N, C-alpha and C. Protein backbone atom coordinates (compact mmCIF):
# COMPACT_ATOMS: atom_id res chain seq x y z
N MET A 1 -4.77 -4.94 -13.84
CA MET A 1 -5.00 -4.95 -12.12
C MET A 1 -4.41 -3.74 -11.45
N MET A 2 -5.18 -3.22 -10.88
CA MET A 2 -5.01 -2.11 -10.04
C MET A 2 -3.92 -2.53 -8.86
N THR A 3 -2.88 -1.44 -8.90
CA THR A 3 -1.70 -1.62 -7.85
C THR A 3 -2.00 -0.53 -6.38
N TYR A 4 -1.86 -0.98 -5.46
CA TYR A 4 -2.17 -0.09 -4.30
C TYR A 4 -0.89 0.48 -3.74
N HIS A 5 -0.47 1.68 -3.55
CA HIS A 5 0.56 2.41 -2.78
C HIS A 5 0.99 1.65 -1.56
N PHE A 6 -0.19 1.55 -0.73
CA PHE A 6 -0.04 0.76 0.44
C PHE A 6 -1.36 0.49 0.95
N LYS A 7 -1.53 -0.48 1.84
CA LYS A 7 -2.49 -0.63 2.67
C LYS A 7 -2.64 -0.62 4.07
N THR A 8 -3.89 -0.32 4.70
CA THR A 8 -4.02 -0.56 6.32
C THR A 8 -4.90 -1.76 6.50
N GLU A 9 -5.35 -1.68 7.59
CA GLU A 9 -6.26 -2.70 8.26
C GLU A 9 -7.55 -2.91 7.46
N ARG A 10 -7.82 -1.61 7.15
CA ARG A 10 -9.53 -1.46 6.47
C ARG A 10 -9.33 -0.98 5.07
N LEU A 11 -8.27 -0.13 4.92
CA LEU A 11 -8.02 0.71 3.56
C LEU A 11 -7.28 0.48 2.71
N LEU A 12 -7.40 0.44 1.46
CA LEU A 12 -6.43 0.68 0.25
C LEU A 12 -5.99 2.18 -0.28
N LEU A 13 -4.75 2.44 -0.42
CA LEU A 13 -4.62 3.92 -1.04
C LEU A 13 -3.68 3.71 -2.12
N ARG A 14 -4.11 4.46 -3.10
CA ARG A 14 -3.14 4.39 -4.28
C ARG A 14 -3.14 5.71 -5.15
N THR A 15 -2.11 5.77 -5.93
CA THR A 15 -1.93 7.13 -6.47
C THR A 15 -3.33 7.43 -7.31
N MET A 16 -3.68 8.69 -7.32
CA MET A 16 -4.91 9.13 -8.12
C MET A 16 -4.90 8.62 -9.49
N GLN A 17 -5.99 8.08 -10.18
CA GLN A 17 -5.79 7.81 -11.51
C GLN A 17 -7.03 8.80 -12.22
N THR A 18 -6.84 8.87 -13.57
CA THR A 18 -7.75 9.97 -14.44
C THR A 18 -9.13 9.18 -14.07
N ASP A 19 -9.37 7.89 -13.94
CA ASP A 19 -10.77 7.62 -14.13
C ASP A 19 -11.29 7.67 -12.51
N ASP A 20 -10.70 8.24 -11.65
CA ASP A 20 -10.98 8.37 -10.39
C ASP A 20 -11.99 9.86 -10.03
N LEU A 21 -12.10 10.44 -11.23
CA LEU A 21 -12.81 11.80 -11.26
C LEU A 21 -14.07 11.88 -10.88
N ASP A 22 -14.98 10.91 -11.27
CA ASP A 22 -16.33 10.85 -10.65
C ASP A 22 -16.56 10.76 -9.15
N ALA A 23 -15.81 9.55 -8.75
CA ALA A 23 -15.72 9.31 -7.17
C ALA A 23 -14.96 10.44 -6.48
N VAL A 24 -14.09 11.20 -7.02
CA VAL A 24 -13.34 12.03 -6.01
C VAL A 24 -14.26 13.49 -6.07
N PHE A 25 -14.95 13.48 -7.27
CA PHE A 25 -15.98 14.76 -7.50
C PHE A 25 -17.03 14.46 -6.29
N GLN A 26 -17.49 13.51 -5.94
CA GLN A 26 -18.48 13.20 -5.00
C GLN A 26 -17.80 13.71 -3.61
N ILE A 27 -16.50 13.74 -3.50
CA ILE A 27 -15.91 14.15 -2.22
C ILE A 27 -15.47 15.59 -2.41
N TRP A 28 -14.53 16.07 -3.38
CA TRP A 28 -14.43 17.48 -3.37
C TRP A 28 -15.47 18.41 -3.96
N GLY A 29 -16.29 17.70 -4.55
CA GLY A 29 -17.31 18.46 -4.96
C GLY A 29 -18.47 18.72 -4.17
N SER A 30 -18.45 18.09 -3.00
CA SER A 30 -19.68 18.26 -1.92
C SER A 30 -19.31 19.48 -0.86
N ALA A 31 -20.23 20.30 -1.05
CA ALA A 31 -19.96 21.58 -0.11
C ALA A 31 -20.02 21.03 1.25
N ASP A 32 -20.76 20.05 1.78
CA ASP A 32 -20.67 19.52 3.03
C ASP A 32 -19.45 19.33 3.38
N VAL A 33 -18.55 18.22 2.80
CA VAL A 33 -17.24 17.71 2.84
C VAL A 33 -16.41 18.81 3.00
N MET A 34 -16.49 19.88 2.07
CA MET A 34 -15.36 20.85 1.81
C MET A 34 -15.64 22.33 2.61
N LYS A 35 -16.70 22.11 3.38
CA LYS A 35 -17.19 23.33 4.13
C LYS A 35 -15.78 24.05 4.58
N TYR A 36 -15.10 23.31 5.26
CA TYR A 36 -14.05 24.02 6.21
C TYR A 36 -12.53 24.13 5.29
N CYS A 37 -12.81 23.87 3.90
CA CYS A 37 -11.54 23.75 3.18
C CYS A 37 -11.67 24.49 1.82
N GLY A 38 -12.48 25.56 1.77
CA GLY A 38 -12.53 26.49 0.55
C GLY A 38 -13.68 26.18 -0.06
N GLY A 39 -14.71 25.27 0.10
CA GLY A 39 -15.76 25.10 -0.58
C GLY A 39 -15.56 23.95 -1.58
N ALA A 40 -16.82 23.52 -2.06
CA ALA A 40 -16.71 22.62 -3.31
C ALA A 40 -15.91 23.06 -4.40
N SER A 41 -15.33 22.07 -5.07
CA SER A 41 -14.52 21.88 -6.31
C SER A 41 -15.52 21.68 -7.50
N THR A 42 -14.77 22.05 -8.72
CA THR A 42 -15.35 21.84 -9.84
C THR A 42 -14.73 20.43 -10.71
N LYS A 43 -15.57 19.78 -11.55
CA LYS A 43 -14.82 18.53 -12.00
C LYS A 43 -13.58 18.97 -12.72
N ASP A 44 -13.79 20.06 -13.52
CA ASP A 44 -12.49 20.48 -14.12
C ASP A 44 -11.24 20.74 -13.27
N ARG A 45 -11.31 21.51 -12.16
CA ARG A 45 -10.35 21.61 -11.33
C ARG A 45 -9.91 20.39 -10.75
N ILE A 46 -10.70 19.43 -10.21
CA ILE A 46 -10.31 18.06 -9.73
C ILE A 46 -9.73 17.43 -11.01
N GLN A 47 -9.94 17.38 -11.96
CA GLN A 47 -9.20 16.93 -13.21
C GLN A 47 -7.77 17.22 -13.22
N ARG A 48 -7.68 18.51 -13.25
CA ARG A 48 -6.37 19.06 -13.02
C ARG A 48 -5.50 18.62 -11.68
N SER A 49 -6.35 18.50 -10.76
CA SER A 49 -5.64 18.14 -9.44
C SER A 49 -5.25 16.66 -9.34
N ILE A 50 -6.12 15.92 -10.12
CA ILE A 50 -5.61 14.19 -10.24
C ILE A 50 -4.26 14.43 -11.14
N GLU A 51 -4.21 14.97 -12.24
CA GLU A 51 -2.93 15.29 -13.10
C GLU A 51 -1.96 15.53 -12.42
N PHE A 52 -2.11 16.66 -11.41
CA PHE A 52 -1.07 17.07 -10.91
C PHE A 52 -0.57 16.05 -9.69
N TYR A 53 -1.41 15.40 -8.76
CA TYR A 53 -0.91 14.74 -8.08
C TYR A 53 -0.37 13.36 -8.77
N LYS A 54 -0.68 12.77 -9.87
CA LYS A 54 0.03 11.81 -10.49
C LYS A 54 1.42 12.32 -11.07
N LYS A 55 1.61 13.58 -11.22
CA LYS A 55 2.89 13.77 -11.57
C LYS A 55 3.87 13.90 -10.40
N LEU A 56 3.37 14.57 -9.43
CA LEU A 56 3.93 14.75 -8.05
C LEU A 56 4.36 13.48 -7.45
N GLN A 57 3.38 12.39 -7.75
CA GLN A 57 4.08 11.10 -7.11
C GLN A 57 5.30 10.68 -7.96
N ASP A 58 5.28 10.89 -9.09
CA ASP A 58 6.45 10.35 -9.91
C ASP A 58 7.76 11.41 -9.68
N GLU A 59 7.31 12.14 -9.51
CA GLU A 59 8.49 13.39 -9.14
C GLU A 59 9.05 13.55 -7.73
N LYS A 60 8.18 13.25 -6.71
CA LYS A 60 8.74 13.56 -5.36
C LYS A 60 8.60 12.14 -4.65
N GLY A 61 7.70 11.08 -4.87
CA GLY A 61 7.48 10.04 -4.26
C GLY A 61 6.45 10.11 -3.08
N TYR A 62 5.61 11.31 -3.32
CA TYR A 62 4.35 11.34 -2.39
C TYR A 62 3.40 12.11 -3.24
N SER A 63 2.14 12.16 -2.60
CA SER A 63 1.19 13.12 -3.40
C SER A 63 -0.29 12.71 -2.26
N VAL A 64 -1.27 13.39 -3.04
CA VAL A 64 -2.54 12.89 -2.10
C VAL A 64 -3.19 11.44 -2.80
N TYR A 65 -3.83 10.63 -2.16
CA TYR A 65 -3.92 9.38 -2.87
C TYR A 65 -5.33 9.21 -2.66
N THR A 66 -5.92 8.38 -3.44
CA THR A 66 -7.27 8.03 -3.32
C THR A 66 -7.44 6.84 -2.16
N VAL A 67 -8.43 6.82 -1.32
CA VAL A 67 -8.59 6.16 -0.45
C VAL A 67 -9.68 5.29 -0.80
N LEU A 68 -9.90 4.00 -0.75
CA LEU A 68 -10.73 2.94 -0.85
C LEU A 68 -10.75 1.89 0.21
N LEU A 69 -12.17 1.69 0.09
CA LEU A 69 -12.49 0.61 1.52
C LEU A 69 -12.06 -0.72 0.99
N LYS A 70 -11.27 -1.53 1.62
CA LYS A 70 -10.56 -2.80 1.47
C LYS A 70 -12.01 -3.81 0.95
N GLU A 71 -12.94 -3.77 1.74
CA GLU A 71 -14.05 -4.74 1.65
C GLU A 71 -14.53 -4.68 0.24
N SER A 72 -14.70 -3.41 -0.12
CA SER A 72 -15.44 -3.44 -1.46
C SER A 72 -14.74 -2.44 -2.50
N THR A 73 -13.73 -2.01 -2.00
CA THR A 73 -12.84 -1.23 -3.21
C THR A 73 -13.40 0.20 -3.69
N SER A 74 -14.64 0.47 -2.78
CA SER A 74 -15.13 1.72 -3.05
C SER A 74 -14.37 2.95 -2.83
N VAL A 75 -14.47 3.85 -3.49
CA VAL A 75 -13.66 5.04 -3.03
C VAL A 75 -14.53 5.91 -2.05
N ILE A 76 -13.52 6.09 -0.69
CA ILE A 76 -14.35 6.69 0.39
C ILE A 76 -13.74 8.12 0.56
N GLY A 77 -12.63 8.45 -0.07
CA GLY A 77 -12.08 9.72 0.23
C GLY A 77 -10.73 9.80 -0.38
N VAL A 78 -9.82 10.85 0.24
CA VAL A 78 -8.51 11.06 -0.45
C VAL A 78 -7.72 11.37 0.65
N CYS A 79 -6.44 11.06 0.67
CA CYS A 79 -5.67 11.63 2.04
C CYS A 79 -4.07 11.50 1.43
N GLY A 80 -3.26 12.27 1.74
CA GLY A 80 -1.89 12.28 1.41
C GLY A 80 -1.34 14.06 1.63
N PHE A 81 -0.50 14.32 0.82
CA PHE A 81 0.51 15.44 0.99
C PHE A 81 0.44 16.44 -0.16
N ASN A 82 0.27 17.62 0.10
CA ASN A 82 0.60 18.56 -0.97
C ASN A 82 2.10 19.15 -0.54
N PRO A 83 2.65 19.40 -1.70
CA PRO A 83 4.28 20.18 -1.49
C PRO A 83 3.92 21.38 -0.73
N SER A 84 4.79 21.83 0.04
CA SER A 84 4.91 23.30 0.69
C SER A 84 5.92 24.08 0.05
N GLU A 85 5.98 25.32 0.18
CA GLU A 85 6.82 26.24 -0.12
C GLU A 85 8.47 25.85 0.08
N ASN A 86 8.19 24.99 1.52
CA ASN A 86 9.68 24.47 1.98
C ASN A 86 9.96 23.37 1.32
N GLU A 87 10.70 23.03 0.55
CA GLU A 87 11.39 21.66 0.14
C GLU A 87 11.33 20.19 1.13
N GLU A 88 11.54 20.86 2.15
CA GLU A 88 11.53 19.88 3.42
C GLU A 88 10.15 19.72 4.29
N GLU A 89 9.08 20.24 3.77
CA GLU A 89 8.07 20.11 4.46
C GLU A 89 6.67 19.77 3.48
N ALA A 90 5.94 18.84 3.87
CA ALA A 90 4.85 18.58 3.26
C ALA A 90 3.42 18.78 4.04
N GLU A 91 2.29 19.32 3.17
CA GLU A 91 1.09 19.35 4.08
C GLU A 91 0.18 18.14 3.76
N LEU A 92 -0.26 17.76 4.91
CA LEU A 92 -1.12 16.43 5.03
C LEU A 92 -2.60 17.01 4.93
N LEU A 93 -3.47 16.48 4.07
CA LEU A 93 -4.66 16.73 4.05
C LEU A 93 -5.60 15.43 4.07
N TYR A 94 -6.71 15.44 4.38
CA TYR A 94 -7.63 14.27 4.16
C TYR A 94 -9.10 14.80 3.96
N HIS A 95 -9.95 14.15 3.20
CA HIS A 95 -11.38 14.58 2.86
C HIS A 95 -12.07 13.05 2.62
N LEU A 96 -13.03 12.97 3.55
CA LEU A 96 -13.78 11.68 3.33
C LEU A 96 -15.10 11.88 3.07
N ASP A 97 -15.73 10.97 2.14
CA ASP A 97 -17.30 11.05 2.08
C ASP A 97 -18.02 10.98 3.33
N GLN A 98 -18.97 11.88 3.72
CA GLN A 98 -19.50 12.03 4.71
C GLN A 98 -20.06 10.67 5.38
N ARG A 99 -20.21 9.57 4.79
CA ARG A 99 -20.76 8.31 4.97
C ARG A 99 -19.54 7.83 5.98
N TYR A 100 -18.49 8.21 5.94
CA TYR A 100 -17.53 7.72 6.44
C TYR A 100 -16.67 8.17 7.58
N TRP A 101 -17.39 9.42 8.34
CA TRP A 101 -16.89 10.09 9.17
C TRP A 101 -17.26 9.72 10.46
N GLY A 102 -16.36 9.85 11.23
CA GLY A 102 -16.43 9.45 12.90
C GLY A 102 -16.17 7.94 12.93
N LYS A 103 -15.58 7.24 11.90
CA LYS A 103 -15.33 5.75 12.13
C LYS A 103 -13.93 5.49 12.16
N GLY A 104 -13.06 6.57 12.08
CA GLY A 104 -11.37 6.56 12.32
C GLY A 104 -10.92 6.21 11.16
N PHE A 105 -11.63 6.26 10.19
CA PHE A 105 -10.93 6.10 8.69
C PHE A 105 -9.85 7.10 8.34
N ALA A 106 -9.99 8.55 9.00
CA ALA A 106 -9.31 9.48 8.42
C ALA A 106 -7.98 9.27 8.89
N ALA A 107 -7.99 9.06 10.34
CA ALA A 107 -6.74 8.74 11.18
C ALA A 107 -5.84 7.82 10.77
N GLU A 108 -6.62 6.39 10.37
CA GLU A 108 -6.06 5.40 9.84
C GLU A 108 -5.21 5.74 8.42
N ALA A 109 -6.08 6.45 7.76
CA ALA A 109 -5.35 6.70 6.15
C ALA A 109 -4.00 7.71 6.66
N ALA A 110 -4.58 8.73 7.37
CA ALA A 110 -3.35 9.71 7.64
C ALA A 110 -2.12 9.14 8.26
N ALA A 111 -2.55 8.41 9.32
CA ALA A 111 -1.08 7.51 9.79
C ALA A 111 -0.42 6.84 8.84
N ALA A 112 -1.23 6.20 7.93
CA ALA A 112 -0.57 5.23 7.09
C ALA A 112 0.31 6.09 6.05
N CYS A 113 -0.29 7.34 5.62
CA CYS A 113 0.56 8.22 4.85
C CYS A 113 1.91 8.74 5.47
N VAL A 114 1.47 8.87 7.01
CA VAL A 114 2.69 9.56 7.37
C VAL A 114 3.91 8.44 7.53
N THR A 115 3.47 7.13 7.89
CA THR A 115 4.32 5.90 7.80
C THR A 115 5.19 5.84 6.52
N ASP A 116 4.45 6.04 5.49
CA ASP A 116 5.01 5.75 4.20
C ASP A 116 5.70 6.98 3.97
N ILE A 117 5.66 8.05 4.09
CA ILE A 117 6.74 9.34 3.65
C ILE A 117 7.84 8.96 4.62
N ARG A 118 7.74 8.46 5.71
CA ARG A 118 8.75 8.17 7.01
C ARG A 118 9.85 7.04 5.89
N LYS A 119 9.07 6.03 5.76
CA LYS A 119 9.54 4.82 5.24
C LYS A 119 10.46 4.97 3.73
N ASN A 120 9.73 5.78 3.11
CA ASN A 120 10.32 6.12 1.66
C ASN A 120 11.51 7.14 1.71
N ASN A 121 11.78 7.80 2.75
CA ASN A 121 12.77 8.76 2.67
C ASN A 121 12.75 9.65 1.67
N THR A 122 11.79 10.48 1.45
CA THR A 122 11.42 11.61 0.44
C THR A 122 11.98 12.68 0.61
N GLY A 123 12.93 13.01 1.71
CA GLY A 123 13.27 14.31 1.92
C GLY A 123 12.79 15.23 2.69
N ILE A 124 11.47 14.79 3.15
CA ILE A 124 10.40 15.45 3.85
C ILE A 124 11.14 15.46 5.35
N LYS A 125 11.22 16.44 6.25
CA LYS A 125 11.48 16.38 7.37
C LYS A 125 10.43 17.00 8.35
N LYS A 126 9.43 17.39 7.83
CA LYS A 126 8.38 17.99 8.66
C LYS A 126 6.88 17.74 7.88
N ILE A 127 5.87 17.39 8.60
CA ILE A 127 4.83 17.37 8.17
C ILE A 127 3.68 18.47 8.71
N ILE A 128 3.21 19.33 8.07
CA ILE A 128 2.35 20.42 8.50
C ILE A 128 0.96 20.12 8.24
N ALA A 129 -0.17 20.85 8.92
CA ALA A 129 -1.31 20.63 8.84
C ALA A 129 -2.12 21.75 9.38
N ALA A 130 -3.32 22.47 8.71
CA ALA A 130 -4.05 23.20 9.17
C ALA A 130 -5.38 23.09 9.48
N VAL A 131 -5.92 23.39 10.49
CA VAL A 131 -7.48 22.93 10.66
C VAL A 131 -8.39 24.33 10.82
N ASP A 132 -9.30 24.27 10.13
CA ASP A 132 -10.48 25.38 10.70
C ASP A 132 -10.80 25.30 11.82
N PRO A 133 -10.75 26.63 12.84
CA PRO A 133 -11.13 26.14 14.14
C PRO A 133 -12.65 25.91 14.50
N ALA A 134 -13.52 25.77 13.40
CA ALA A 134 -14.79 25.47 13.38
C ALA A 134 -15.25 23.90 13.24
N ASN A 135 -14.01 23.15 12.78
CA ASN A 135 -13.93 21.94 12.73
C ASN A 135 -12.88 20.90 13.62
N PRO A 136 -13.29 21.23 14.94
CA PRO A 136 -12.46 20.24 15.80
C PRO A 136 -12.35 18.62 15.70
N ALA A 137 -13.22 18.18 15.03
CA ALA A 137 -12.99 16.72 14.41
C ALA A 137 -11.82 16.58 13.92
N SER A 138 -11.27 17.52 12.83
CA SER A 138 -10.03 17.42 11.99
C SER A 138 -9.17 17.61 12.83
N GLY A 139 -9.02 18.36 14.01
CA GLY A 139 -7.89 18.62 14.72
C GLY A 139 -7.67 17.43 15.64
N LYS A 140 -8.69 16.46 16.09
CA LYS A 140 -8.49 15.36 16.57
C LYS A 140 -7.88 14.34 15.90
N VAL A 141 -7.93 14.27 14.69
CA VAL A 141 -7.47 13.17 13.58
C VAL A 141 -5.89 13.44 13.82
N LEU A 142 -5.44 14.56 13.87
CA LEU A 142 -4.10 15.07 13.80
C LEU A 142 -3.56 14.68 15.13
N THR A 143 -4.14 15.09 16.07
CA THR A 143 -3.62 14.64 17.46
C THR A 143 -3.31 13.34 17.63
N LYS A 144 -4.50 12.47 17.17
CA LYS A 144 -4.29 11.22 17.03
C LYS A 144 -3.35 10.41 16.66
N ILE A 145 -2.79 10.98 15.43
CA ILE A 145 -1.66 10.45 14.65
C ILE A 145 -0.42 10.96 15.15
N GLY A 146 -0.22 11.96 16.21
CA GLY A 146 1.01 12.32 16.80
C GLY A 146 1.37 13.54 16.23
N MET A 147 0.63 14.50 15.73
CA MET A 147 0.84 15.94 15.51
C MET A 147 0.65 16.87 16.62
N THR A 148 1.50 17.64 16.70
CA THR A 148 1.32 18.61 17.84
C THR A 148 0.70 20.17 17.23
N ALA A 149 -0.37 20.36 18.13
CA ALA A 149 -0.75 21.86 17.76
C ALA A 149 0.37 22.98 18.17
N LYS A 150 0.56 23.81 17.25
CA LYS A 150 1.31 25.07 17.53
C LYS A 150 0.89 26.43 17.84
N GLY A 151 -0.64 26.35 17.50
CA GLY A 151 -1.11 27.69 17.88
C GLY A 151 -1.88 28.04 16.59
N MET A 152 -2.21 29.40 16.57
CA MET A 152 -3.00 30.08 15.17
C MET A 152 -1.88 30.46 14.39
N LYS A 153 -2.40 30.38 12.95
CA LYS A 153 -1.64 31.05 11.99
C LYS A 153 -2.49 31.37 11.10
N TRP A 154 -2.32 32.78 10.27
CA TRP A 154 -2.85 33.16 9.33
C TRP A 154 -2.76 32.38 7.76
N PHE A 155 -3.73 31.83 7.25
CA PHE A 155 -3.51 31.33 5.95
C PHE A 155 -4.15 32.33 4.80
N GLU A 156 -3.39 32.72 3.70
CA GLU A 156 -4.03 33.50 2.70
C GLU A 156 -4.86 32.79 1.87
N ASP A 157 -4.55 31.41 1.69
CA ASP A 157 -5.55 30.71 0.81
C ASP A 157 -6.93 30.73 1.34
N THR A 158 -7.02 30.58 2.65
CA THR A 158 -8.36 30.43 3.14
C THR A 158 -8.78 31.71 3.69
N GLN A 159 -8.09 32.79 3.91
CA GLN A 159 -8.25 33.94 4.31
C GLN A 159 -8.68 34.15 5.85
N GLN A 160 -8.30 33.18 6.38
CA GLN A 160 -8.51 33.40 8.08
C GLN A 160 -7.31 32.56 8.72
N GLU A 161 -7.36 32.83 10.16
CA GLU A 161 -6.71 32.14 11.01
C GLU A 161 -6.94 30.91 11.45
N GLU A 162 -6.12 29.69 11.18
CA GLU A 162 -6.18 28.34 11.40
C GLU A 162 -5.60 27.76 12.41
N LEU A 163 -6.03 26.80 13.20
CA LEU A 163 -4.70 25.87 14.01
C LEU A 163 -4.00 25.24 13.32
N TYR A 164 -2.81 25.39 13.39
CA TYR A 164 -1.55 24.94 12.96
C TYR A 164 -0.95 23.78 13.53
N PHE A 165 -0.59 22.53 12.85
CA PHE A 165 -0.23 21.32 13.49
C PHE A 165 1.25 21.13 12.83
N GLU A 166 2.22 20.54 13.53
CA GLU A 166 3.39 20.10 12.91
C GLU A 166 3.77 18.34 13.40
N LEU A 167 4.66 17.96 12.70
CA LEU A 167 5.21 16.65 13.03
C LEU A 167 6.57 16.52 12.54
N ASP A 168 7.56 16.58 13.32
CA ASP A 168 8.95 16.77 12.88
C ASP A 168 9.09 15.05 12.80
N LEU A 169 9.92 14.83 11.32
CA LEU A 169 10.20 13.44 11.04
C LEU A 169 11.87 13.50 11.42
N THR A 170 12.42 14.46 11.84
CA THR A 170 14.01 14.04 11.90
C THR A 170 14.31 13.37 13.37
């Protein structure tokens, strides 16, 4: 039986599993979904990411989780945290299958992840996130869960300025 890390009203979130590869590829492999996040990924890279997140969960108590619809247990996205260069910060991310955009699922999953990281006292004192300025819907999600826009910041990985958000957990 599959164990879920935590649940929301409509969602189940669990540590990524090796057999999530095909479902996660539908999200991270989609040019449309990943348009503002560096582009579509390959199955090989996604497989390495899944292994990384399983290890991160074991070592740090947080990671990026597979997001499933409670009513059908189908995978609809991913949401959770990447480690930051600063050990006391974690970067929030979420990517959902396009069919689930605009329905509040991203905010629901993101809020649950924030609550979980607070509750489990992982040593994280600040949550950070960045949004491509061409993707205002993503910024609305961050604002909805209580994050504050701090202005524009240059990001090497995307080679552009992005809107930078923070949420202080202390």
